[in-house]
Amino acid sequence: MNNINNKKSDVEKVGTISVSIYKNKNTGFSAYSIDADNDDVIQVSYMIEDTLKMY
């Protein structure tokens, strides 16, 4: 993986967080689902959820 300066950096993927958005066609009600693929990224998924709750 390359950093912003296009130099090699020693990083590895830790996990993936998926955000799915759903909308009811009749009412316009929106909902979301946040899924983390492992416990190493669960804290980040909580921050995303907290941010989405503000809107």
PDB file of N, CA and C in Angstrom:
ATOM      1  N   MET A   1       0.836  -1.168   0.000  1.00  0.00           N
ATOM      2  CA  MET A   1       0.000   0.000   0.000  1.00  0.00           C
ATOM      3  C   MET A   1       0.887   1.239   0.000  1.00  0.00           C
ATOM      4  N   ASN A   2       0.453   2.273  -0.692  1.00  0.00           N
ATOM      5  CA  ASN A   2       1.227   3.500  -0.773  1.00  0.00           C
ATOM      6  C   ASN A   2       0.597   4.582   0.081  1.00  0.00           C
ATOM      7  N   ASN A   3       1.445   5.406   0.698  1.00  0.00           N
ATOM      8  CA  ASN A   3       0.916   6.530   1.463  1.00  0.00           C
ATOM      9  C   ASN A   3       0.759   7.730   0.547  1.00  0.00           C
ATOM     10  N   ILE A   4       0.432   8.872   1.131  1.00  0.00           N
ATOM     11  CA  ILE A   4       0.154  10.062   0.339  1.00  0.00           C
ATOM     12  C   ILE A   4       1.361  10.532  -0.463  1.00  0.00           C
ATOM     13  N   ASN A   5       2.568  10.218  -0.012  1.00  0.00           N
ATOM     14  CA  ASN A   5       3.778  10.628  -0.727  1.00  0.00           C
ATOM     15  C   ASN A   5       4.216   9.575  -1.741  1.00  0.00           C
ATOM     16  N   ASN A   6       3.393   8.563  -1.947  1.00  0.00           N
ATOM     17  CA  ASN A   6       3.650   7.494  -2.908  1.00  0.00           C
ATOM     18  C   ASN A   6       4.903   6.689  -2.548  1.00  0.00           C
ATOM     19  N   LYS A   7       5.201   6.593  -1.260  1.00  0.00           N
ATOM     20  CA  LYS A   7       6.298   5.756  -0.796  1.00  0.00           C
ATOM     21  C   LYS A   7       5.714   4.501  -0.179  1.00  0.00           C
ATOM     22  N   LYS A   8       6.430   3.411  -0.275  1.00  0.00           N
ATOM     23  CA  LYS A   8       5.961   2.162   0.317  1.00  0.00           C
ATOM     24  C   LYS A   8       5.827   2.321   1.823  1.00  0.00           C
ATOM     25  N   SER A   9       4.735   1.813   2.367  1.00  0.00           N
ATOM     26  CA  SER A   9       4.561   1.812   3.810  1.00  0.00           C
ATOM     27  C   SER A   9       4.252   0.394   4.268  1.00  0.00           C
ATOM     28  N   ASP A  10       4.602   0.111   5.488  1.00  0.00           N
ATOM     29  CA  ASP A  10       4.467  -1.229   6.038  1.00  0.00           C
ATOM     30  C   ASP A  10       3.149  -1.331   6.808  1.00  0.00           C
ATOM     31  N   VAL A  11       2.061  -1.571   6.080  1.00  0.00           N
ATOM     32  CA  VAL A  11       0.734  -1.649   6.691  1.00  0.00           C
ATOM     33  C   VAL A  11       0.044  -2.934   6.263  1.00  0.00           C
ATOM     34  N   GLU A  12      -0.940  -3.318   7.050  1.00  0.00           N
ATOM     35  CA  GLU A  12      -1.753  -4.464   6.679  1.00  0.00           C
ATOM     36  C   GLU A  12      -3.207  -4.133   6.984  1.00  0.00           C
ATOM     37  N   LYS A  13      -4.106  -4.727   6.233  1.00  0.00           N
ATOM     38  CA  LYS A  13      -5.529  -4.525   6.449  1.00  0.00           C
ATOM     39  C   LYS A  13      -5.922  -5.169   7.772  1.00  0.00           C
ATOM     40  N   VAL A  14      -6.639  -4.416   8.592  1.00  0.00           N
ATOM     41  CA  VAL A  14      -7.059  -4.906   9.899  1.00  0.00           C
ATOM     42  C   VAL A  14      -8.474  -5.453   9.844  1.00  0.00           C
ATOM     43  N   GLY A  15      -9.324  -4.844   9.056  1.00  0.00           N
ATOM     44  CA  GLY A  15     -10.702  -5.303   8.970  1.00  0.00           C
ATOM     45  C   GLY A  15     -11.511  -4.449   8.029  1.00  0.00           C
ATOM     46  N   THR A  16     -12.783  -4.786   7.934  1.00  0.00           N
ATOM     47  CA  THR A  16     -13.704  -4.091   7.046  1.00  0.00           C
ATOM     48  C   THR A  16     -14.974  -3.750   7.810  1.00  0.00           C
ATOM     49  N   ILE A  17     -15.467  -2.541   7.575  1.00  0.00           N
ATOM     50  CA  ILE A  17     -16.742  -2.113   8.127  1.00  0.00           C
ATOM     51  C   ILE A  17     -17.663  -1.808   6.950  1.00  0.00           C
ATOM     52  N   SER A  18     -18.855  -2.398   6.968  1.00  0.00           N
ATOM     53  CA  SER A  18     -19.842  -2.169   5.912  1.00  0.00           C
ATOM     54  C   SER A  18     -21.009  -1.381   6.477  1.00  0.00           C
ATOM     55  N   VAL A  19     -21.441  -0.362   5.736  1.00  0.00           N
ATOM     56  CA  VAL A  19     -22.610   0.420   6.108  1.00  0.00           C
ATOM     57  C   VAL A  19     -23.635   0.239   4.999  1.00  0.00           C
ATOM     58  N   SER A  20     -24.791  -0.301   5.366  1.00  0.00           N
ATOM     59  CA  SER A  20     -25.892  -0.474   4.414  1.00  0.00           C
ATOM     60  C   SER A  20     -27.010   0.491   4.785  1.00  0.00           C
ATOM     61  N   ILE A  21     -27.576   1.148   3.783  1.00  0.00           N
ATOM     62  CA  ILE A  21     -28.648   2.114   3.990  1.00  0.00           C
ATOM     63  C   ILE A  21     -29.922   1.568   3.355  1.00  0.00           C
ATOM     64  N   TYR A  22     -31.024   1.664   4.099  1.00  0.00           N
ATOM     65  CA  TYR A  22     -32.329   1.191   3.638  1.00  0.00           C
ATOM     66  C   TYR A  22     -33.321   2.341   3.707  1.00  0.00           C
ATOM     67  N   LYS A  23     -34.261   2.374   2.738  1.00  0.00           N
ATOM     68  CA  LYS A  23     -35.274   3.426   2.733  1.00  0.00           C
ATOM     69  C   LYS A  23     -36.617   2.822   2.352  1.00  0.00           C
ATOM     70  N   ASN A  24     -37.632   3.119   3.147  1.00  0.00           N
ATOM     71  CA  ASN A  24     -38.987   2.658   2.867  1.00  0.00           C
ATOM     72  C   ASN A  24     -39.555   3.521   1.746  1.00  0.00           C
ATOM     73  N   LYS A  25     -39.981   2.894   0.666  1.00  0.00           N
ATOM     74  CA  LYS A  25     -40.476   3.635  -0.501  1.00  0.00           C
ATOM     75  C   LYS A  25     -41.761   4.394  -0.197  1.00  0.00           C
ATOM     76  N   ASN A  26     -42.577   3.875   0.701  1.00  0.00           N
ATOM     77  CA  ASN A  26     -43.865   4.497   0.998  1.00  0.00           C
ATOM     78  C   ASN A  26     -43.758   5.652   1.987  1.00  0.00           C
ATOM     79  N   THR A  27     -42.954   5.478   3.031  1.00  0.00           N
ATOM     80  CA  THR A  27     -42.896   6.492   4.084  1.00  0.00           C
ATOM     81  C   THR A  27     -41.672   7.392   3.990  1.00  0.00           C
ATOM     82  N   GLY A  28     -40.639   6.953   3.288  1.00  0.00           N
ATOM     83  CA  GLY A  28     -39.400   7.716   3.219  1.00  0.00           C
ATOM     84  C   GLY A  28     -38.492   7.483   4.412  1.00  0.00           C
ATOM     85  N   PHE A  29     -38.933   6.624   5.352  1.00  0.00           N
ATOM     86  CA  PHE A  29     -38.135   6.317   6.539  1.00  0.00           C
ATOM     87  C   PHE A  29     -36.835   5.650   6.129  1.00  0.00           C
ATOM     88  N   SER A  30     -35.730   6.114   6.684  1.00  0.00           N
ATOM     89  CA  SER A  30     -34.417   5.545   6.387  1.00  0.00           C
ATOM     90  C   SER A  30     -33.868   4.822   7.616  1.00  0.00           C
ATOM     91  N   ALA A  31     -33.132   3.768   7.378  1.00  0.00           N
ATOM     92  CA  ALA A  31     -32.461   3.022   8.435  1.00  0.00           C
ATOM     93  C   ALA A  31     -31.105   2.576   7.908  1.00  0.00           C
ATOM     94  N   TYR A  32     -30.236   2.185   8.810  1.00  0.00           N
ATOM     95  CA  TYR A  32     -28.916   1.724   8.403  1.00  0.00           C
ATOM     96  C   TYR A  32     -28.504   0.528   9.237  1.00  0.00           C
ATOM     97  N   SER A  33     -27.559  -0.207   8.689  1.00  0.00           N
ATOM     98  CA  SER A  33     -26.978  -1.359   9.364  1.00  0.00           C
ATOM     99  C   SER A  33     -25.463  -1.246   9.227  1.00  0.00           C
ATOM    100  N   ILE A  34     -24.766  -1.416  10.343  1.00  0.00           N
ATOM    101  CA  ILE A  34     -23.308  -1.333  10.346  1.00  0.00           C
ATOM    102  C   ILE A  34     -22.764  -2.681  10.788  1.00  0.00           C
ATOM    103  N   ASP A  35     -21.894  -3.252   9.979  1.00  0.00           N
ATOM    104  CA  ASP A  35     -21.316  -4.559  10.277  1.00  0.00           C
ATOM    105  C   ASP A  35     -19.796  -4.493  10.231  1.00  0.00           C
ATOM    106  N   ALA A  36     -19.169  -4.960  11.304  1.00  0.00           N
ATOM    107  CA  ALA A  36     -17.707  -5.069  11.370  1.00  0.00           C
ATOM    108  C   ALA A  36     -17.341  -6.536  11.251  1.00  0.00           C
ATOM    109  N   ASP A  37     -16.316  -6.832  10.462  1.00  0.00           N
ATOM    110  CA  ASP A  37     -15.983  -8.234  10.223  1.00  0.00           C
ATOM    111  C   ASP A  37     -15.133  -8.870  11.321  1.00  0.00           C
ATOM    112  N   ASN A  38     -14.646  -8.045  12.271  1.00  0.00           N
ATOM    113  CA  ASN A  38     -13.918  -8.621  13.409  1.00  0.00           C
ATOM    114  C   ASN A  38     -13.846  -7.606  14.545  1.00  0.00           C
ATOM    115  N   ASP A  39     -13.433  -8.062  15.706  1.00  0.00           N
ATOM    116  CA  ASP A  39     -13.401  -7.212  16.897  1.00  0.00           C
ATOM    117  C   ASP A  39     -12.333  -6.126  16.848  1.00  0.00           C
ATOM    118  N   ASP A  40     -11.359  -6.248  15.961  1.00  0.00           N
ATOM    119  CA  ASP A  40     -10.300  -5.243  15.876  1.00  0.00           C
ATOM    120  C   ASP A  40     -10.815  -3.897  15.366  1.00  0.00           C
ATOM    121  N   VAL A  41     -11.931  -3.893  14.655  1.00  0.00           N
ATOM    122  CA  VAL A  41     -12.463  -2.645  14.097  1.00  0.00           C
ATOM    123  C   VAL A  41     -13.813  -2.262  14.698  1.00  0.00           C
ATOM    124  N   ILE A  42     -14.255  -2.986  15.695  1.00  0.00           N
ATOM    125  CA  ILE A  42     -15.581  -2.739  16.268  1.00  0.00           C
ATOM    126  C   ILE A  42     -15.683  -1.342  16.880  1.00  0.00           C
ATOM    127  N   GLN A  43     -14.610  -0.836  17.479  1.00  0.00           N
ATOM    128  CA  GLN A  43     -14.656   0.506  18.067  1.00  0.00           C
ATOM    129  C   GLN A  43     -14.879   1.575  17.000  1.00  0.00           C
ATOM    130  N   VAL A  44     -14.290   1.390  15.825  1.00  0.00           N
ATOM    131  CA  VAL A  44     -14.496   2.346  14.735  1.00  0.00           C
ATOM    132  C   VAL A  44     -15.940   2.285  14.266  1.00  0.00           C
ATOM    133  N   SER A  45     -16.520   1.096  14.211  1.00  0.00           N
ATOM    134  CA  SER A  45     -17.923   0.971  13.798  1.00  0.00           C
ATOM    135  C   SER A  45     -18.835   1.682  14.803  1.00  0.00           C
ATOM    136  N   TYR A  46     -18.493   1.671  16.091  1.00  0.00           N
ATOM    137  CA  TYR A  46     -19.275   2.399  17.094  1.00  0.00           C
ATOM    138  C   TYR A  46     -19.209   3.902  16.850  1.00  0.00           C
ATOM    139  N   MET A  47     -18.043   4.409  16.455  1.00  0.00           N
ATOM    140  CA  MET A  47     -17.920   5.836  16.162  1.00  0.00           C
ATOM    141  C   MET A  47     -18.766   6.219  14.950  1.00  0.00           C
ATOM    142  N   ILE A  48     -18.773   5.365  13.939  1.00  0.00           N
ATOM    143  CA  ILE A  48     -19.602   5.618  12.751  1.00  0.00           C
ATOM    144  C   ILE A  48     -21.069   5.636  13.149  1.00  0.00           C
ATOM    145  N   GLU A  49     -21.488   4.665  13.955  1.00  0.00           N
ATOM    146  CA  GLU A  49     -22.882   4.605  14.399  1.00  0.00           C
ATOM    147  C   GLU A  49     -23.255   5.850  15.205  1.00  0.00           C
ATOM    148  N   ASP A  50     -22.409   6.261  16.124  1.00  0.00           N
ATOM    149  CA  ASP A  50     -22.684   7.460  16.918  1.00  0.00           C
ATOM    150  C   ASP A  50     -22.827   8.692  16.036  1.00  0.00           C
ATOM    151  N   THR A  51     -21.992   8.797  15.012  1.00  0.00           N
ATOM    152  CA  THR A  51     -22.069   9.925  14.094  1.00  0.00           C
ATOM    153  C   THR A  51     -23.366   9.898  13.296  1.00  0.00           C
ATOM    154  N   LEU A  52     -23.760   8.734  12.799  1.00  0.00           N
ATOM    155  CA  LEU A  52     -25.002   8.627  12.029  1.00  0.00           C
ATOM    156  C   LEU A  52     -26.230   8.929  12.880  1.00  0.00           C
ATOM    157  N   LYS A  53     -26.191   8.627  14.158  1.00  0.00           N
ATOM    158  CA  LYS A  53     -27.321   8.906  15.045  1.00  0.00           C
ATOM    159  C   LYS A  53     -27.569  10.408  15.197  1.00  0.00           C
ATOM    160  N   MET A  54     -26.544  11.208  14.943  1.00  0.00           N
ATOM    161  CA  MET A  54     -26.691  12.657  15.071  1.00  0.00           C
ATOM    162  C   MET A  54     -27.487  13.263  13.921  1.00  0.00           C
ATOM    163  N   TYR A  55     -27.717  12.532  12.844  1.00  0.00           N
ATOM    164  CA  TYR A  55     -28.387  13.065  11.665  1.00  0.00           C
ATOM    165  C   TYR A  55     -29.724  12.429  11.432  1.00  0.00           C
TER     166      TYR A  55
END
